[in-house]
């Protein structure tokens, strides 16, 4: 799959999560960041989008810490973005 198709797929998956809150936060983050993602970051974006909304939201609202084995620069940026959205 070419890079532009992958980016479109990421944007779609990010904004169609299943809950309005996740659509707003995850979708908003990837809407702002996807165009600038490098090819090696696309795999990380897919990995993040495979995570459950409940886990992502727990990390964003600080209900649970982000597990060390799940951390990445992109995930840390998403969590910070979500926390800034309040």
N, C-alpha and C. Protein backbone atom coordinates (compact mmCIF):
# COMPACT_ATOMS: atom_id res chain seq x y z
N UNK A 1 0.86 -1.17 0.00
CA UNK A 1 0.00 0.00 0.00
C UNK A 1 0.91 1.24 0.00
N UNK A 2 0.59 2.21 -0.85
CA UNK A 2 1.44 3.40 -0.92
C UNK A 2 1.21 4.29 0.31
N UNK A 3 2.13 5.21 0.53
CA UNK A 3 2.12 6.05 1.73
C UNK A 3 0.85 6.89 1.84
N UNK A 4 0.42 7.50 0.76
CA UNK A 4 -0.77 8.36 0.82
C UNK A 4 -2.02 7.56 1.15
N UNK A 5 -2.13 6.36 0.63
CA UNK A 5 -3.27 5.50 0.94
C UNK A 5 -3.23 5.10 2.42
N UNK A 6 -2.05 4.78 2.92
CA UNK A 6 -1.92 4.45 4.35
C UNK A 6 -2.33 5.63 5.22
N UNK A 7 -1.93 6.83 4.83
CA UNK A 7 -2.28 8.02 5.62
C UNK A 7 -3.80 8.24 5.62
N UNK A 8 -4.44 8.05 4.49
CA UNK A 8 -5.90 8.19 4.43
C UNK A 8 -6.58 7.15 5.31
N UNK A 9 -6.05 5.95 5.29
CA UNK A 9 -6.60 4.87 6.12
C UNK A 9 -6.44 5.21 7.60
N UNK A 10 -5.28 5.73 7.97
CA UNK A 10 -5.03 6.13 9.36
C UNK A 10 -6.01 7.21 9.79
N UNK A 11 -6.20 8.22 8.94
CA UNK A 11 -7.15 9.29 9.27
C UNK A 11 -8.56 8.75 9.45
N UNK A 12 -8.97 7.86 8.60
CA UNK A 12 -10.31 7.27 8.72
C UNK A 12 -10.44 6.50 10.03
N UNK A 13 -9.48 5.62 10.30
CA UNK A 13 -9.53 4.82 11.53
C UNK A 13 -9.49 5.69 12.78
N UNK A 14 -8.74 6.77 12.72
CA UNK A 14 -8.61 7.65 13.88
C UNK A 14 -9.90 8.40 14.19
N UNK A 15 -10.66 8.72 13.18
CA UNK A 15 -11.87 9.52 13.39
C UNK A 15 -13.14 8.68 13.44
N UNK A 16 -13.01 7.37 13.35
CA UNK A 16 -14.16 6.47 13.45
C UNK A 16 -13.86 5.40 14.50
N UNK A 17 -13.68 5.86 15.74
CA UNK A 17 -13.25 4.97 16.82
C UNK A 17 -14.42 4.23 17.46
N UNK A 18 -15.57 4.86 17.57
CA UNK A 18 -16.69 4.21 18.23
C UNK A 18 -17.28 5.04 19.35
N UNK A 19 -16.49 5.94 19.91
CA UNK A 19 -17.02 6.87 20.91
C UNK A 19 -16.72 8.29 20.44
N UNK A 20 -17.61 9.20 20.78
CA UNK A 20 -17.41 10.59 20.35
C UNK A 20 -16.13 11.17 20.95
N UNK A 21 -15.87 10.83 22.21
CA UNK A 21 -14.68 11.37 22.87
C UNK A 21 -13.40 10.91 22.15
N UNK A 22 -13.33 9.62 21.86
CA UNK A 22 -12.15 9.10 21.18
C UNK A 22 -12.07 9.63 19.75
N UNK A 23 -13.21 9.73 19.07
CA UNK A 23 -13.21 10.30 17.72
C UNK A 23 -12.64 11.71 17.76
N UNK A 24 -13.05 12.47 18.75
CA UNK A 24 -12.62 13.88 18.87
C UNK A 24 -11.12 13.97 19.18
N UNK A 25 -10.67 13.20 20.16
CA UNK A 25 -9.28 13.32 20.58
C UNK A 25 -8.34 12.60 19.63
N UNK A 26 -8.58 11.34 19.39
CA UNK A 26 -7.68 10.57 18.52
C UNK A 26 -7.78 11.09 17.09
N UNK A 27 -9.00 11.32 16.62
CA UNK A 27 -9.19 11.85 15.28
C UNK A 27 -8.58 13.22 15.12
N UNK A 28 -8.75 14.07 16.13
CA UNK A 28 -8.18 15.41 16.08
C UNK A 28 -6.66 15.39 16.04
N UNK A 29 -6.08 14.52 16.84
CA UNK A 29 -4.62 14.39 16.85
C UNK A 29 -4.11 13.95 15.48
N UNK A 30 -4.68 12.88 14.96
CA UNK A 30 -4.19 12.38 13.68
C UNK A 30 -4.54 13.30 12.51
N UNK A 31 -5.62 14.06 12.62
CA UNK A 31 -5.93 15.04 11.58
C UNK A 31 -4.84 16.10 11.52
N UNK A 32 -4.32 16.45 12.68
CA UNK A 32 -3.27 17.46 12.74
C UNK A 32 -1.89 16.91 12.38
N UNK A 33 -1.66 15.62 12.60
CA UNK A 33 -0.32 15.06 12.47
C UNK A 33 -0.06 14.16 11.27
N UNK A 34 -1.09 13.55 10.71
CA UNK A 34 -0.87 12.51 9.71
C UNK A 34 -0.11 12.99 8.48
N UNK A 35 -0.40 14.17 7.99
CA UNK A 35 0.28 14.66 6.79
C UNK A 35 1.80 14.69 6.98
N UNK A 36 2.25 14.97 8.18
CA UNK A 36 3.68 15.08 8.46
C UNK A 36 4.34 13.80 8.92
N UNK A 37 3.59 12.71 9.03
CA UNK A 37 4.19 11.46 9.48
C UNK A 37 5.16 10.91 8.45
N UNK A 38 6.27 10.44 8.95
CA UNK A 38 7.27 9.80 8.10
C UNK A 38 6.88 8.33 7.91
N UNK A 39 7.36 7.71 6.85
CA UNK A 39 6.99 6.31 6.59
C UNK A 39 7.20 5.38 7.79
N UNK A 40 8.29 5.57 8.53
CA UNK A 40 8.54 4.69 9.67
C UNK A 40 7.56 4.94 10.82
N UNK A 41 6.90 6.09 10.85
CA UNK A 41 5.93 6.39 11.89
C UNK A 41 4.55 5.82 11.58
N UNK A 42 4.31 5.43 10.35
CA UNK A 42 3.01 4.90 9.98
C UNK A 42 2.72 3.58 10.68
N UNK A 43 3.74 2.75 10.86
CA UNK A 43 3.55 1.49 11.59
C UNK A 43 3.15 1.77 13.03
N UNK A 44 3.78 2.76 13.64
CA UNK A 44 3.44 3.12 15.02
C UNK A 44 2.02 3.66 15.09
N UNK A 45 1.62 4.45 14.11
CA UNK A 45 0.25 4.97 14.08
C UNK A 45 -0.76 3.82 13.99
N UNK A 46 -0.47 2.85 13.14
CA UNK A 46 -1.35 1.67 13.04
C UNK A 46 -1.41 0.92 14.36
N UNK A 47 -0.27 0.77 15.01
CA UNK A 47 -0.23 0.07 16.30
C UNK A 47 -1.08 0.80 17.33
N UNK A 48 -0.99 2.12 17.35
CA UNK A 48 -1.78 2.93 18.29
C UNK A 48 -3.27 2.77 17.99
N UNK A 49 -3.62 2.79 16.73
CA UNK A 49 -5.02 2.69 16.35
C UNK A 49 -5.59 1.29 16.59
N UNK A 50 -4.74 0.31 16.79
CA UNK A 50 -5.20 -1.03 17.16
C UNK A 50 -5.55 -1.14 18.65
N UNK A 51 -5.13 -0.15 19.43
CA UNK A 51 -5.41 -0.17 20.87
C UNK A 51 -6.89 0.12 21.14
N UNK A 52 -7.35 -0.35 22.27
CA UNK A 52 -8.73 -0.11 22.67
C UNK A 52 -8.93 1.34 23.11
N UNK A 53 -10.09 1.89 22.79
CA UNK A 53 -10.42 3.26 23.21
C UNK A 53 -10.33 3.40 24.72
N UNK A 54 -10.81 2.40 25.44
CA UNK A 54 -10.82 2.49 26.90
C UNK A 54 -9.40 2.63 27.43
N UNK A 55 -8.44 1.92 26.85
CA UNK A 55 -7.05 2.06 27.29
C UNK A 55 -6.50 3.44 26.96
N UNK A 56 -6.72 3.88 25.73
CA UNK A 56 -6.24 5.21 25.34
C UNK A 56 -6.82 6.29 26.23
N UNK A 57 -8.11 6.23 26.47
CA UNK A 57 -8.75 7.27 27.28
C UNK A 57 -8.30 7.20 28.73
N UNK A 58 -8.09 6.00 29.27
CA UNK A 58 -7.56 5.87 30.64
C UNK A 58 -6.20 6.53 30.76
N UNK A 59 -5.37 6.37 29.74
CA UNK A 59 -4.04 6.99 29.77
C UNK A 59 -4.15 8.51 29.63
N UNK A 60 -5.06 8.96 28.81
CA UNK A 60 -5.22 10.40 28.59
C UNK A 60 -5.74 11.10 29.84
N UNK A 61 -6.72 10.50 30.51
CA UNK A 61 -7.29 11.14 31.70
C UNK A 61 -6.53 10.79 32.98
N UNK A 62 -5.41 10.10 32.83
CA UNK A 62 -4.53 9.73 33.93
C UNK A 62 -5.16 8.74 34.90
N UNK A 63 -6.13 7.98 34.42
CA UNK A 63 -6.72 6.93 35.26
C UNK A 63 -5.71 5.80 35.43
N UNK A 64 -4.93 5.55 34.39
CA UNK A 64 -3.88 4.54 34.40
C UNK A 64 -2.65 5.13 33.72
N UNK A 65 -1.46 4.73 34.18
CA UNK A 65 -0.26 5.19 33.46
C UNK A 65 -0.09 4.41 32.16
N UNK A 66 0.56 5.02 31.20
CA UNK A 66 0.86 4.33 29.95
C UNK A 66 1.92 3.27 30.27
N UNK A 67 1.65 2.01 29.95
CA UNK A 67 2.65 0.97 30.21
C UNK A 67 3.95 1.25 29.44
N UNK A 68 5.05 1.00 30.07
CA UNK A 68 6.35 1.27 29.45
C UNK A 68 6.52 0.57 28.11
N UNK A 69 5.99 -0.65 27.99
CA UNK A 69 6.17 -1.39 26.75
C UNK A 69 5.28 -0.88 25.61
N UNK A 70 4.36 0.02 25.92
CA UNK A 70 3.47 0.59 24.91
C UNK A 70 3.93 1.98 24.46
N UNK A 71 4.82 2.58 25.22
CA UNK A 71 5.22 3.96 24.95
C UNK A 71 5.96 4.10 23.63
N UNK A 72 5.71 5.25 23.02
CA UNK A 72 6.45 5.66 21.82
C UNK A 72 6.32 7.17 21.75
N UNK A 73 7.12 7.78 20.95
CA UNK A 73 7.05 9.24 20.80
C UNK A 73 5.65 9.64 20.33
N UNK A 74 5.12 8.93 19.34
CA UNK A 74 3.81 9.27 18.79
C UNK A 74 2.70 9.08 19.82
N UNK A 75 2.75 8.00 20.57
CA UNK A 75 1.73 7.77 21.60
C UNK A 75 1.83 8.82 22.70
N UNK A 76 3.05 9.16 23.12
CA UNK A 76 3.22 10.22 24.12
C UNK A 76 2.65 11.54 23.62
N UNK A 77 2.83 11.84 22.34
CA UNK A 77 2.28 13.07 21.77
C UNK A 77 0.75 13.03 21.75
N UNK A 78 0.18 11.87 21.43
CA UNK A 78 -1.28 11.72 21.44
C UNK A 78 -1.82 11.92 22.85
N UNK A 79 -1.19 11.32 23.84
CA UNK A 79 -1.64 11.47 25.23
C UNK A 79 -1.55 12.93 25.65
N UNK A 80 -0.46 13.61 25.33
CA UNK A 80 -0.32 15.03 25.67
C UNK A 80 -1.38 15.86 24.96
N UNK A 81 -1.65 15.56 23.70
CA UNK A 81 -2.67 16.25 22.94
C UNK A 81 -4.04 16.09 23.62
N UNK A 82 -4.36 14.86 24.00
CA UNK A 82 -5.64 14.61 24.66
C UNK A 82 -5.76 15.31 25.99
N UNK A 83 -4.69 15.34 26.76
CA UNK A 83 -4.72 16.02 28.05
C UNK A 83 -4.88 17.53 27.87
N UNK A 84 -4.29 18.08 26.83
CA UNK A 84 -4.43 19.51 26.57
C UNK A 84 -5.85 19.86 26.16
N UNK A 85 -6.53 18.91 25.51
CA UNK A 85 -7.93 19.13 25.10
C UNK A 85 -8.85 19.13 26.30
N UNK A 86 -8.40 18.48 27.37
CA UNK A 86 -9.17 18.44 28.61
C UNK A 86 -10.37 17.63 28.49
